Amino acid sequence: MSSPADTRDTILRSAREVFADTGYRGASLRKIASRAGVTHAAIYRHFADKDDLLAALAEHDFEELVREVGSRIDAAQPPLARLRALLLGFVTVCTENPRLYEFLFQILPGLPHRPSRSAEIAHDSVVQVVSECLASGALDGDPEHVSDLVLTATHGLVARTLARRVAGLSTLDAEDFVAFVLSGVGTGAVL
């Protein structure tokens, strides 16, 4: 017999799949329950409604992403090395878990949901590391602008890598790409 935590995790996984397959409007708690192999009433033991389930899923998935990427960063490293590890970790985690990336960054933004606290913390963490890079002289620019630039480029790499994999095409080397992006915001770089 599964524990309540196991049942909740199963419901969350199933919800991600149903939201991805049918969209928010097409997803129903009955469809999610069926995919999870639980009763419709079982969902209400864990979530108030579909919106609550979506918010919990977003929070769960962002927490997972933050935890996985964070495990790849050595806090003792200088700021630029931590930023490089953060970006490479993001690329690795997202390309190894395309459904997670698809849900968080392609499906979720189009759905009605409460902002995830973990997503805000993740963004603030990137801005903090970028700020440390700026303070050390390793990068140049405004913390928010540089953060947006490196995150946008990294998201582009993930999306391109996933699309090229599906098409059976070669992909860019993530380390070379991240080094190139960071060199573009290095001190003295001309963009």
Protein backbone atom coordinates (compact mmCIF):
# COMPACT_ATOMS: atom_id res chain seq x y z
CA MET A 1 0.00 0.00 0.00
CA SER A 2 1.37 3.42 -0.91
CA SER A 3 1.92 6.18 1.56
CA PRO A 4 0.08 9.51 1.26
CA ALA A 5 3.35 11.11 0.07
CA ASP A 6 3.74 8.46 -2.65
CA THR A 7 0.13 8.98 -3.75
CA ARG A 8 0.65 12.75 -3.85
CA ASP A 9 3.81 12.33 -5.98
CA THR A 10 1.96 9.99 -8.34
CA ILE A 11 -0.85 12.52 -8.70
CA LEU A 12 1.66 15.31 -9.41
CA ARG A 13 3.48 13.24 -12.08
CA SER A 14 0.17 12.32 -13.69
CA ALA A 15 -1.03 15.93 -13.58
CA ARG A 16 2.14 17.09 -15.38
CA GLU A 17 1.48 14.53 -18.12
CA VAL A 18 -2.21 15.42 -18.46
CA PHE A 19 -1.50 19.18 -18.53
CA ALA A 20 1.17 18.54 -21.19
CA ASP A 21 -1.11 16.28 -23.26
CA THR A 22 -4.41 18.15 -23.05
CA GLY A 23 -3.59 21.66 -21.85
CA TYR A 24 -5.03 23.26 -18.75
CA ARG A 25 -8.58 23.55 -20.09
CA GLY A 26 -8.63 19.95 -21.31
CA ALA A 27 -7.24 18.60 -18.06
CA SER A 28 -9.74 17.46 -15.50
CA LEU A 29 -9.24 16.01 -12.06
CA ARG A 30 -10.96 12.86 -13.33
CA LYS A 31 -8.41 12.49 -16.16
CA ILE A 32 -5.57 13.09 -13.72
CA ALA A 33 -7.00 10.56 -11.25
CA SER A 34 -7.41 7.99 -14.01
CA ARG A 35 -3.80 8.48 -15.19
CA ALA A 36 -2.57 8.25 -11.57
CA GLY A 37 -4.60 5.12 -10.89
CA VAL A 38 -6.43 6.70 -7.96
CA THR A 39 -10.02 7.68 -7.36
CA HIS A 40 -11.29 11.14 -8.14
CA ALA A 41 -11.94 11.62 -4.41
CA ALA A 42 -8.31 10.75 -3.60
CA ILE A 43 -7.13 13.90 -5.34
CA TYR A 44 -9.26 16.00 -2.96
CA ARG A 45 -7.38 14.53 -0.01
CA HIS A 46 -4.28 16.29 -1.34
CA PHE A 47 -5.52 19.29 -3.37
CA ALA A 48 -8.48 21.66 -3.08
CA ASP A 49 -9.06 21.94 -6.84
CA LYS A 50 -7.31 21.95 -10.22
CA ASP A 51 -5.74 25.36 -9.57
CA ASP A 52 -4.32 24.16 -6.25
CA LEU A 53 -2.95 21.06 -7.98
CA LEU A 54 -1.32 23.18 -10.70
CA ALA A 55 0.27 25.49 -8.10
CA ALA A 56 1.57 22.51 -6.12
CA LEU A 57 2.97 20.94 -9.28
CA ALA A 58 4.75 24.16 -10.27
CA GLU A 59 6.24 24.50 -6.78
CA HIS A 60 7.26 20.82 -6.69
CA ASP A 61 8.92 20.95 -10.11
CA PHE A 62 10.76 24.22 -9.45
CA GLU A 63 11.98 22.81 -6.12
CA GLU A 64 13.25 19.72 -7.94
CA LEU A 65 15.01 21.83 -10.57
CA VAL A 66 16.61 24.10 -7.94
CA ARG A 67 17.74 21.10 -5.89
CA GLU A 68 19.24 19.29 -8.90
CA VAL A 69 21.03 22.35 -10.26
CA GLY A 70 22.19 23.39 -6.77
CA SER A 71 23.78 19.99 -6.18
CA ARG A 72 26.17 20.72 -9.05
CA ILE A 73 27.53 23.98 -7.60
CA ASP A 74 30.54 24.15 -5.28
CA ALA A 75 29.92 27.11 -2.96
CA ALA A 76 33.67 27.42 -2.30
CA GLN A 77 34.36 28.32 -5.95
CA PRO A 78 34.75 31.92 -7.11
CA PRO A 79 31.56 33.61 -8.37
CA LEU A 80 32.24 33.12 -12.11
CA ALA A 81 32.91 29.40 -11.61
CA ARG A 82 29.65 29.10 -9.61
CA LEU A 83 27.73 30.93 -12.34
CA ARG A 84 29.23 28.66 -14.99
CA ALA A 85 28.30 25.58 -12.91
CA LEU A 86 24.79 26.93 -12.37
CA LEU A 87 24.22 27.48 -16.10
CA LEU A 88 25.74 24.13 -17.09
CA GLY A 89 23.74 22.41 -14.37
CA PHE A 90 20.55 23.99 -15.70
CA VAL A 91 21.32 22.82 -19.23
CA THR A 92 22.14 19.30 -18.05
CA VAL A 93 19.12 18.88 -15.78
CA CYS A 94 16.72 20.27 -18.38
CA THR A 95 18.08 18.27 -21.31
CA GLU A 96 18.04 15.10 -19.20
CA ASN A 97 14.43 15.83 -18.12
CA PRO A 98 12.69 17.29 -21.17
CA ARG A 99 9.17 16.82 -19.72
CA LEU A 100 10.17 18.86 -16.67
CA TYR A 101 11.58 21.64 -18.88
CA GLU A 102 8.59 21.55 -21.20
CA PHE A 103 6.16 21.84 -18.31
CA LEU A 104 7.99 24.59 -16.39
CA PHE A 105 9.08 26.80 -19.25
CA GLN A 106 6.79 26.10 -22.19
CA ILE A 107 3.44 24.97 -20.78
CA LEU A 108 3.23 26.58 -17.34
CA PRO A 109 3.77 30.18 -18.52
CA GLY A 110 0.59 29.95 -20.58
CA LEU A 111 -1.52 28.61 -17.73
CA PRO A 112 -3.34 30.53 -15.02
CA HIS A 113 -1.27 29.95 -11.89
CA ARG A 114 0.19 31.57 -8.83
CA PRO A 115 3.87 32.43 -9.17
CA SER A 116 6.06 29.72 -7.65
CA ARG A 117 8.08 30.81 -4.63
CA SER A 118 10.85 28.42 -5.69
CA ALA A 119 10.99 30.03 -9.14
CA GLU A 120 11.42 33.45 -7.51
CA ILE A 121 14.16 32.10 -5.24
CA ALA A 122 15.93 30.53 -8.23
CA HIS A 123 15.85 33.80 -10.17
CA ASP A 124 17.06 35.77 -7.15
CA SER A 125 19.91 33.27 -6.73
CA VAL A 126 21.06 33.82 -10.31
CA VAL A 127 20.96 37.60 -9.85
CA GLN A 128 22.96 37.20 -6.61
CA VAL A 129 25.71 35.14 -8.28
CA VAL A 130 25.80 37.55 -11.23
CA SER A 131 26.07 40.46 -8.76
CA GLU A 132 29.04 38.72 -7.11
CA CYS A 133 30.64 38.26 -10.55
CA LEU A 134 30.15 41.96 -11.24
CA ALA A 135 31.60 42.93 -7.85
CA SER A 136 34.65 40.72 -8.46
CA GLY A 137 35.21 42.34 -11.86
CA ALA A 138 34.67 39.09 -13.77
CA LEU A 139 31.58 40.44 -15.56
CA ASP A 140 30.42 43.89 -16.55
CA GLY A 141 26.92 45.37 -16.68
CA ASP A 142 23.69 45.64 -14.73
CA PRO A 143 22.86 42.57 -12.56
CA GLU A 144 19.30 42.18 -13.87
CA HIS A 145 20.30 42.69 -17.51
CA VAL A 146 23.24 40.29 -17.31
CA SER A 147 21.07 37.73 -15.51
CA ASP A 148 18.39 38.02 -18.18
CA LEU A 149 20.99 37.70 -20.94
CA VAL A 150 22.65 34.56 -19.58
CA LEU A 151 19.32 32.95 -18.67
CA THR A 152 17.79 33.71 -22.07
CA ALA A 153 20.82 32.30 -23.85
CA THR A 154 20.81 29.21 -21.65
CA HIS A 155 17.10 28.62 -22.22
CA GLY A 156 17.76 28.96 -25.95
CA LEU A 157 20.48 26.34 -25.74
CA VAL A 158 18.18 23.92 -23.89
CA ALA A 159 15.32 24.42 -26.39
CA ARG A 160 17.67 24.07 -29.37
CA THR A 161 19.34 20.97 -27.92
CA LEU A 162 15.99 19.26 -27.28
CA ALA A 163 14.68 20.14 -30.76
CA ARG A 164 17.86 18.96 -32.48
CA ARG A 165 17.85 15.69 -30.52
CA VAL A 166 14.31 14.96 -31.69
CA ALA A 167 15.41 15.63 -35.27
CA GLY A 168 18.48 13.41 -34.84
CA LEU A 169 20.87 16.33 -35.40
CA SER A 170 24.06 17.15 -33.54
CA THR A 171 23.91 19.60 -30.66
CA LEU A 172 26.21 22.35 -29.45
CA ASP A 173 28.69 21.67 -26.68
CA ALA A 174 27.13 23.21 -23.57
CA GLU A 175 30.46 24.10 -21.95
CA ASP A 176 31.67 25.94 -25.06
CA PHE A 177 28.33 27.75 -25.39
CA VAL A 178 28.25 28.88 -21.75
CA ALA A 179 31.88 30.03 -21.97
CA PHE A 180 31.01 32.03 -25.10
CA VAL A 181 27.97 33.65 -23.44
CA LEU A 182 29.95 34.56 -20.33
CA SER A 183 32.77 35.98 -22.43
CA GLY A 184 30.21 38.28 -24.02
CA VAL A 185 29.50 39.90 -20.66
CA GLY A 186 33.07 39.74 -19.40
CA THR A 187 34.86 42.89 -18.38
CA GLY A 188 35.87 44.76 -21.52
CA ALA A 189 33.66 42.68 -23.82
CA VAL A 190 32.11 44.52 -26.73
CA LEU A 191 28.60 43.33 -27.57
